């Protein structure tokens, strides 16, 4: 066992099931001799050490690394302006992660209803199989009972329905509900897209009752599905959308975007983040945003997703492939996904799992030559 692994196991809490691989240097879709089909769980949207991203980040580090939100900085202002222009939202709140972005959305939704309807309209409905974070509130919002252990008592004010259950949705949306939080494609829950008819019903009912729709696009956003936001596949823009992961290219950041009616809910002192809007993170994010919001780039993401589907769906071991763009879940016939992950690692390929499925989240700008090499390894294992 190497010194790095020994130190990690001794001095870092053992809350992760780590693969036996030491990674120290990457470029594009390759890292330390491996082809990366995981992007750091969807974070490295431009792969490793994109030249423009590195120059922006390093340049900002040499200029100004942090000042707090008691002052103004150009990188944060520029990034916010760009993202609001791309998405059509009125404004945003900066945090450090997807969980923080979702915490902000929860607080915003409850304050919106409290200000307008009083204190008893505070329940948030989420979907079974969803994943919204690891904080106490976002873990409660996560619709996976097996995760609701150990950390009692959990936060109040959450309830759950089955995805695509329109009847159940209508029954749950009573006068005590302030918001419904969804993932258009459930990532950790198995890479499962929602049905269009369910999304149609959700927006119709919520509009009629002034219930906010919160779209958790932490994993689906920033071009991952072949559109800048997954909501574009369905033709809707939520009242509140959260993003993180791939939006900042490898640095910790998150945003909670609000439409016009939600834009003035959070006032001075009602929410905050010490590091949110950090100028270094924002500088890197601006580079990512410029690249992944380009229509030609997004069309290429969709085309690469179709290419992967076409290659792998021909294999007898592959039962089905779910997801959109470069966010794919593969159901296998006889092999277990953890075993495939281990075999792939041994052959020089990094892949992920989601429930029982094999999950692929390659860098959005992965070159076809590298993609082909990775797919060849995967095909050999699955055959």
Protein backbone atom coordinates (compact mmCIF):
# COMPACT_ATOMS: atom_id res chain seq x y z
CA UNK A 1 0.00 0.00 0.00
CA UNK A 2 1.35 3.41 -0.95
CA UNK A 3 2.11 6.21 1.46
CA UNK A 4 -0.70 8.34 -0.04
CA UNK A 5 -3.31 5.65 0.55
CA UNK A 6 -1.97 4.96 4.06
CA UNK A 7 -2.08 8.65 4.99
CA UNK A 8 -5.57 9.05 3.56
CA UNK A 9 -6.92 6.05 5.44
CA UNK A 10 -5.27 7.15 8.68
CA UNK A 11 -5.94 10.87 8.75
CA UNK A 12 -9.13 11.37 6.71
CA UNK A 13 -12.51 10.16 8.01
CA UNK A 14 -13.53 6.99 6.22
CA UNK A 15 -16.84 8.24 4.84
CA UNK A 16 -16.02 7.30 1.22
CA UNK A 17 -15.57 4.00 -0.56
CA UNK A 18 -12.50 5.00 -2.55
CA UNK A 19 -11.14 3.19 -5.59
CA UNK A 20 -7.52 2.08 -5.32
CA UNK A 21 -6.13 4.70 -7.68
CA UNK A 22 -3.85 7.65 -6.99
CA UNK A 23 -4.45 10.59 -9.32
CA UNK A 24 -1.94 13.41 -9.57
CA UNK A 25 -1.92 14.95 -13.04
CA UNK A 26 -4.52 15.30 -15.77
CA UNK A 27 -5.05 16.82 -19.20
CA UNK A 28 -8.26 16.79 -21.19
CA UNK A 29 -10.16 13.55 -20.53
CA UNK A 30 -7.11 11.69 -19.22
CA UNK A 31 -5.64 11.61 -15.73
CA UNK A 32 -2.62 9.70 -14.44
CA UNK A 33 -2.87 7.11 -17.21
CA UNK A 34 -6.64 6.68 -16.99
CA UNK A 35 -9.36 7.73 -19.44
CA UNK A 36 -11.97 9.58 -17.41
CA UNK A 37 -15.65 8.83 -18.04
CA UNK A 38 -16.69 10.31 -14.68
CA UNK A 39 -15.52 13.96 -14.68
CA UNK A 40 -15.10 13.94 -10.91
CA UNK A 41 -18.82 13.02 -10.67
CA UNK A 42 -19.84 15.52 -13.33
CA UNK A 43 -17.64 18.37 -12.12
CA UNK A 44 -14.83 18.62 -14.69
CA UNK A 45 -17.06 19.63 -17.58
CA UNK A 46 -14.06 20.81 -19.60
CA UNK A 47 -11.88 17.91 -18.49
CA UNK A 48 -8.59 18.41 -16.70
CA UNK A 49 -6.63 21.66 -16.90
CA UNK A 50 -8.39 23.33 -19.82
CA UNK A 51 -5.91 25.99 -20.99
CA UNK A 52 -8.31 28.96 -20.91
CA UNK A 53 -9.74 27.92 -17.53
CA UNK A 54 -6.26 27.53 -16.02
CA UNK A 55 -5.17 30.96 -17.27
CA UNK A 56 -8.29 32.62 -15.86
CA UNK A 57 -7.98 30.92 -12.48
CA UNK A 58 -4.23 31.48 -12.11
CA UNK A 59 -4.52 35.08 -13.26
CA UNK A 60 -7.21 35.76 -10.67
CA UNK A 61 -5.24 34.03 -7.88
CA UNK A 62 -2.37 36.40 -8.54
CA UNK A 63 -4.72 39.39 -8.39
CA UNK A 64 -7.31 38.80 -5.66
CA UNK A 65 -8.27 35.50 -4.06
CA UNK A 66 -11.00 36.50 -1.57
CA UNK A 67 -12.67 39.55 -0.06
CA UNK A 68 -16.05 38.25 1.31
CA UNK A 69 -19.49 39.48 0.30
CA UNK A 70 -19.13 42.70 2.27
CA UNK A 71 -17.54 44.15 -0.87
CA UNK A 72 -17.92 44.02 -4.66
CA UNK A 73 -15.74 42.16 -7.16
CA UNK A 74 -15.71 42.19 -10.95
CA UNK A 75 -15.43 38.38 -11.45
CA UNK A 76 -18.59 37.69 -9.43
CA UNK A 77 -20.54 40.52 -11.08
CA UNK A 78 -19.47 39.45 -14.59
CA UNK A 79 -20.28 35.80 -13.99
CA UNK A 80 -23.71 36.59 -12.52
CA UNK A 81 -24.57 38.84 -15.47
CA UNK A 82 -23.53 36.13 -17.97
CA UNK A 83 -25.43 33.32 -16.24
CA UNK A 84 -28.61 35.35 -15.88
CA UNK A 85 -28.39 36.29 -19.56
CA UNK A 86 -27.92 32.64 -20.61
CA UNK A 87 -30.71 31.27 -18.41
CA UNK A 88 -33.18 34.17 -18.42
CA UNK A 89 -33.30 34.43 -14.62
CA UNK A 90 -33.43 37.74 -12.77
CA UNK A 91 -30.69 37.17 -10.22
CA UNK A 92 -28.81 34.54 -8.24
CA UNK A 93 -27.22 33.66 -4.92
CA UNK A 94 -23.67 32.28 -4.78
CA UNK A 95 -22.80 29.31 -2.56
CA UNK A 96 -20.07 26.69 -2.53
CA UNK A 97 -21.83 23.48 -3.56
CA UNK A 98 -25.00 21.88 -4.83
CA UNK A 99 -26.20 21.19 -1.31
CA UNK A 100 -25.75 24.85 -0.39
CA UNK A 101 -27.58 25.94 -3.53
CA UNK A 102 -30.48 23.66 -2.60
CA UNK A 103 -30.47 24.92 1.01
CA UNK A 104 -30.83 28.42 -0.41
CA UNK A 105 -33.72 27.32 -2.61
CA UNK A 106 -35.49 25.73 0.37
CA UNK A 107 -35.14 28.88 2.44
CA UNK A 108 -36.21 31.08 -0.46
CA UNK A 109 -39.35 29.00 -1.10
CA UNK A 110 -40.40 29.03 2.53
CA UNK A 111 -39.81 32.75 2.92
CA UNK A 112 -41.71 33.46 -0.31
CA UNK A 113 -44.79 31.68 1.06
CA UNK A 114 -44.33 33.05 4.58
CA UNK A 115 -44.20 36.62 3.30
CA UNK A 116 -47.24 36.14 1.07
CA UNK A 117 -49.44 33.58 2.85
CA UNK A 118 -48.25 33.24 6.45
CA UNK A 119 -46.24 30.72 8.43
CA UNK A 120 -48.32 27.56 7.87
CA UNK A 121 -47.53 27.20 4.14
CA UNK A 122 -44.07 25.66 4.36
CA UNK A 123 -44.08 22.05 3.13
CA UNK A 124 -41.82 21.04 0.24
CA UNK A 125 -42.64 18.03 -1.94
CA UNK A 126 -39.79 16.05 -3.50
CA UNK A 127 -39.67 12.83 -5.53
CA UNK A 128 -38.80 9.34 -4.39
CA UNK A 129 -35.38 8.41 -5.74
CA UNK A 130 -34.17 12.01 -5.69
CA UNK A 131 -30.89 13.25 -4.30
CA UNK A 132 -30.49 16.85 -3.13
CA UNK A 133 -27.47 16.88 -0.81
CA UNK A 134 -25.89 15.74 2.45
CA UNK A 135 -26.80 18.56 4.85
CA UNK A 136 -29.60 17.77 7.29
CA UNK A 137 -32.21 19.70 5.29
CA UNK A 138 -31.15 18.51 1.82
CA UNK A 139 -30.74 14.95 3.08
CA UNK A 140 -34.32 15.12 4.35
CA UNK A 141 -35.37 16.47 0.95
CA UNK A 142 -33.65 13.48 -0.66
CA UNK A 143 -36.33 10.90 -1.45
CA UNK A 144 -34.33 7.80 -0.55
CA UNK A 145 -35.45 6.15 2.72
CA UNK A 146 -32.17 4.24 3.09
CA UNK A 147 -30.41 7.59 3.54
CA UNK A 148 -32.76 8.65 6.33
CA UNK A 149 -30.83 6.93 9.09
CA UNK A 150 -28.39 7.77 11.92
CA UNK A 151 -28.83 11.54 11.95
CA UNK A 152 -32.14 11.92 13.79
CA UNK A 153 -34.08 14.10 14.18
CA UNK A 154 -34.42 15.10 10.54
CA UNK A 155 -35.84 18.42 9.40
CA UNK A 156 -39.61 18.84 9.31
CA UNK A 157 -41.69 20.04 6.40
CA UNK A 158 -40.92 17.56 3.62
CA UNK A 159 -43.06 14.97 1.88
CA UNK A 160 -42.53 12.66 -1.09
CA UNK A 161 -44.30 11.25 -4.14
CA UNK A 162 -43.37 8.75 -6.81
CA UNK A 163 -41.87 10.26 -9.98
CA UNK A 164 -44.35 10.53 -12.86
CA UNK A 165 -47.31 9.96 -10.51
CA UNK A 166 -49.63 12.77 -11.60
CA UNK A 167 -52.51 11.60 -9.40
CA UNK A 168 -50.29 11.44 -6.35
CA UNK A 169 -48.93 14.88 -7.13
CA UNK A 170 -52.39 16.45 -7.22
CA UNK A 171 -53.28 14.79 -3.91
CA UNK A 172 -50.18 16.08 -2.16
CA UNK A 173 -50.35 19.70 -3.31
CA UNK A 174 -52.51 21.07 -0.52
CA UNK A 175 -52.68 24.51 1.05
CA UNK A 176 -49.66 23.78 3.26
CA UNK A 177 -47.25 23.28 0.31
CA UNK A 178 -44.90 26.07 -0.73
CA UNK A 179 -42.77 24.29 -3.34
CA UNK A 180 -42.05 21.14 -5.32
CA UNK A 181 -38.38 20.26 -5.87
CA UNK A 182 -37.47 18.04 -8.82
CA UNK A 183 -34.55 16.73 -10.84
CA UNK A 184 -35.52 16.49 -14.50
CA UNK A 185 -33.14 13.55 -14.69
CA UNK A 186 -32.52 11.81 -11.39
CA UNK A 187 -28.76 11.33 -11.22
CA UNK A 188 -27.85 9.43 -8.05
CA UNK A 189 -31.29 7.80 -8.22
CA UNK A 190 -30.42 5.90 -11.41
CA UNK A 191 -30.15 8.43 -14.27
CA UNK A 192 -33.91 8.43 -14.83
CA UNK A 193 -35.59 11.24 -16.81
CA UNK A 194 -39.06 12.42 -15.82
CA UNK A 195 -41.93 11.88 -18.23
CA UNK A 196 -43.09 14.94 -20.16
CA UNK A 197 -46.72 14.48 -19.11
CA UNK A 198 -45.77 14.56 -15.43
CA UNK A 199 -43.73 17.75 -15.86
CA UNK A 200 -46.64 19.33 -17.77
CA UNK A 201 -49.05 18.54 -14.93
CA UNK A 202 -46.60 19.71 -12.29
CA UNK A 203 -46.17 23.15 -13.82
CA UNK A 204 -49.90 23.54 -14.48
CA UNK A 205 -50.95 22.72 -10.91
CA UNK A 206 -48.16 24.72 -9.31
CA UNK A 207 -48.96 27.75 -11.47
CA UNK A 208 -52.63 27.61 -10.48
CA UNK A 209 -51.80 27.38 -6.75
CA UNK A 210 -48.76 29.71 -6.71
CA UNK A 211 -46.57 26.85 -5.55
CA UNK A 212 -42.95 27.34 -6.54
CA UNK A 213 -41.17 24.82 -8.74
CA UNK A 214 -37.53 24.29 -7.77
CA UNK A 215 -35.38 22.53 -10.37
CA UNK A 216 -32.29 20.88 -8.92
CA UNK A 217 -29.93 21.04 -11.91
CA UNK A 218 -26.78 20.45 -9.91
CA UNK A 219 -25.90 17.45 -12.08
CA UNK A 220 -28.00 18.11 -15.17
CA UNK A 221 -27.10 21.78 -15.66
CA UNK A 222 -24.24 23.50 -17.50
CA UNK A 223 -24.68 21.51 -20.71
CA UNK A 224 -24.51 18.00 -19.27
CA UNK A 225 -27.68 16.83 -21.06
CA UNK A 226 -26.98 18.52 -24.39
CA UNK A 227 -28.97 21.63 -23.43
CA UNK A 228 -27.64 24.27 -21.08
CA UNK A 229 -30.37 23.31 -18.61
CA UNK A 230 -32.30 20.07 -18.64
CA UNK A 231 -35.51 22.06 -18.28
CA UNK A 232 -35.09 23.11 -21.91
CA UNK A 233 -35.77 19.52 -22.99
CA UNK A 234 -39.19 19.83 -21.36
CA UNK A 235 -39.97 23.40 -22.38
CA UNK A 236 -40.06 24.89 -18.88
CA UNK A 237 -38.10 27.24 -16.67
CA UNK A 238 -38.59 26.68 -12.95
CA UNK A 239 -39.21 29.55 -10.52
CA UNK A 240 -35.92 28.61 -8.89
CA UNK A 241 -33.07 26.59 -10.41
CA UNK A 242 -29.98 25.38 -8.60
CA UNK A 243 -26.67 24.59 -10.30
CA UNK A 244 -23.17 23.60 -9.20
CA UNK A 245 -20.79 20.76 -10.20
CA UNK A 246 -19.79 21.34 -13.85
CA UNK A 247 -20.61 25.04 -13.83
CA UNK A 248 -17.24 25.98 -12.31
CA UNK A 249 -14.97 23.44 -13.98
CA UNK A 250 -13.45 21.89 -10.86
CA UNK A 251 -13.60 24.58 -8.17
CA UNK A 252 -16.26 24.55 -5.42
CA UNK A 253 -19.23 26.72 -6.32
CA UNK A 254 -23.00 26.70 -6.52
CA UNK A 255 -25.78 29.06 -7.52
CA UNK A 256 -29.46 29.46 -6.74
CA UNK A 257 -31.17 31.26 -9.64
CA UNK A 258 -34.48 33.07 -9.10
CA UNK A 259 -37.11 34.38 -11.50
CA UNK A 260 -38.66 37.82 -11.19
CA UNK A 261 -41.28 36.94 -8.56
CA UNK A 262 -38.63 35.29 -6.37
CA UNK A 263 -35.82 37.76 -6.98
CA UNK A 264 -36.46 40.01 -3.97
CA UNK A 265 -37.36 37.34 -1.38
CA UNK A 266 -33.95 37.06 0.27
CA UNK A 267 -33.12 40.40 1.81
CA UNK A 268 -30.07 41.60 3.75
CA UNK A 269 -29.30 39.28 6.65
CA UNK A 270 -31.67 36.46 5.64
CA UNK A 271 -29.00 34.31 3.99
CA UNK A 272 -25.25 34.32 3.46
CA UNK A 273 -22.07 32.48 2.50
CA UNK A 274 -18.51 33.39 3.46
CA UNK A 275 -16.92 32.01 0.30
CA UNK A 276 -19.86 32.30 -2.09
CA UNK A 277 -19.00 34.29 -5.22
CA UNK A 278 -15.29 33.85 -4.57
CA UNK A 279 -13.45 35.76 -7.35
CA UNK A 280 -11.20 32.81 -8.28
CA UNK A 281 -14.14 30.44 -8.60
CA UNK A 282 -16.14 33.04 -10.54
CA UNK A 283 -13.24 33.69 -12.93
CA UNK A 284 -13.00 29.98 -13.74
CA UNK A 285 -16.77 29.72 -14.01
CA UNK A 286 -16.90 32.49 -16.60
CA UNK A 287 -14.65 30.47 -18.90
CA UNK A 288 -16.79 27.35 -18.44
CA UNK A 289 -19.95 29.35 -19.04
CA UNK A 290 -18.65 30.89 -22.26
CA UNK A 291 -17.82 27.47 -23.67
CA UNK A 292 -20.68 25.24 -22.50
CA UNK A 293 -23.44 27.71 -23.37
CA UNK A 294 -22.41 27.82 -27.04
CA UNK A 295 -25.03 26.14 -29.26
CA UNK A 296 -22.44 24.37 -31.42
CA UNK A 297 -20.77 22.97 -28.31
CA UNK A 298 -24.11 21.76 -26.93
CA UNK A 299 -25.01 20.08 -30.21
CA UNK A 300 -21.71 18.21 -30.02
CA UNK A 301 -22.52 17.06 -26.47
CA UNK A 302 -25.85 15.66 -27.69
CA UNK A 303 -24.14 13.99 -30.66
CA UNK A 304 -21.53 12.34 -28.44
CA UNK A 305 -24.31 11.02 -26.21
CA UNK A 306 -26.07 9.53 -29.22
CA UNK A 307 -22.79 8.00 -30.37
CA UNK A 308 -22.23 6.29 -27.02
CA UNK A 309 -25.79 4.97 -27.03
CA UNK A 310 -25.37 3.58 -30.54
CA UNK A 311 -22.10 1.83 -29.68
CA UNK A 312 -23.13 0.30 -26.37
CA UNK A 313 -26.75 -0.59 -27.18
CA UNK A 314 -25.43 -3.14 -29.68
CA UNK A 315 -23.92 -5.20 -26.86
CA UNK A 316 -25.90 -8.19 -25.64
CA UNK A 317 -24.99 -7.36 -22.04
CA UNK A 318 -26.66 -3.93 -22.27
CA UNK A 319 -30.38 -4.10 -21.48
CA UNK A 320 -31.12 -0.38 -21.81
CA UNK A 321 -29.54 3.06 -21.64
CA UNK A 322 -31.27 5.96 -19.87
CA UNK A 323 -30.46 9.65 -19.52
CA UNK A 324 -29.77 12.55 -21.87
CA UNK A 325 -26.64 13.90 -23.57
CA UNK A 326 -23.50 12.87 -21.70
CA UNK A 327 -25.41 11.82 -18.60
CA UNK A 328 -26.09 8.14 -19.19
CA UNK A 329 -27.17 5.17 -17.07
CA UNK A 330 -26.63 1.63 -18.38
CA UNK A 331 -28.71 -1.30 -17.17
CA UNK A 332 -26.75 -4.54 -17.44
CA UNK A 333 -28.07 -8.06 -18.01
CA UNK A 334 -25.80 -10.23 -15.84
CA UNK A 335 -22.80 -8.19 -14.69
CA UNK A 336 -22.81 -6.10 -11.53
CA UNK A 337 -21.91 -2.44 -12.02
CA UNK A 338 -19.36 -2.33 -9.13
CA UNK A 339 -17.54 -5.26 -10.76
CA UNK A 340 -17.47 -3.41 -14.07
CA UNK A 341 -16.08 -0.31 -12.33
CA UNK A 342 -13.29 -2.42 -10.83
CA UNK A 343 -12.47 -4.12 -14.13
CA UNK A 344 -12.49 -0.80 -15.97
CA UNK A 345 -10.11 0.70 -13.41
CA UNK A 346 -7.71 -2.19 -13.94
CA UNK A 347 -7.79 -1.56 -17.70
CA UNK A 348 -7.34 2.22 -17.44
CA UNK A 349 -10.90 3.60 -17.51
CA UNK A 350 -12.76 5.53 -14.79
CA UNK A 351 -16.54 4.97 -14.70
CA UNK A 352 -19.27 5.41 -12.08
CA UNK A 353 -22.39 3.75 -10.75
CA UNK A 354 -25.91 4.99 -9.97
CA UNK A 355 -27.96 2.49 -7.99
CA UNK A 356 -27.59 -0.79 -9.92
CA UNK A 357 -26.63 0.97 -13.15
CA UNK A 358 -23.31 1.81 -14.71
CA UNK A 359 -23.09 5.60 -15.03
CA UNK A 360 -21.14 7.64 -17.59
CA UNK A 361 -20.41 11.37 -17.15
CA UNK A 362 -17.45 12.04 -19.45
CA UNK A 363 -16.07 15.57 -19.92
CA UNK A 364 -18.34 17.50 -22.26
CA UNK A 365 -15.43 18.36 -24.55
CA UNK A 366 -13.98 14.84 -24.69
CA UNK A 367 -12.29 14.23 -28.05
CA UNK A 368 -13.65 11.44 -30.26
CA UNK A 369 -10.32 9.60 -30.27
CA UNK A 370 -10.27 9.44 -26.46
CA UNK A 371 -13.96 8.59 -26.37
CA UNK A 372 -13.37 5.69 -28.75
CA UNK A 373 -10.50 4.36 -26.63
CA UNK A 374 -12.66 4.44 -23.52
CA UNK A 375 -15.61 2.81 -25.26
CA UNK A 376 -13.36 0.05 -26.58
CA UNK A 377 -12.28 -0.80 -23.03
CA UNK A 378 -15.88 -0.78 -21.85
CA UNK A 379 -17.02 -2.95 -24.77
CA UNK A 380 -14.32 -5.51 -24.04
CA UNK A 381 -15.40 -5.74 -20.41
CA UNK A 382 -19.12 -5.98 -21.20
CA UNK A 383 -18.59 -8.58 -23.94
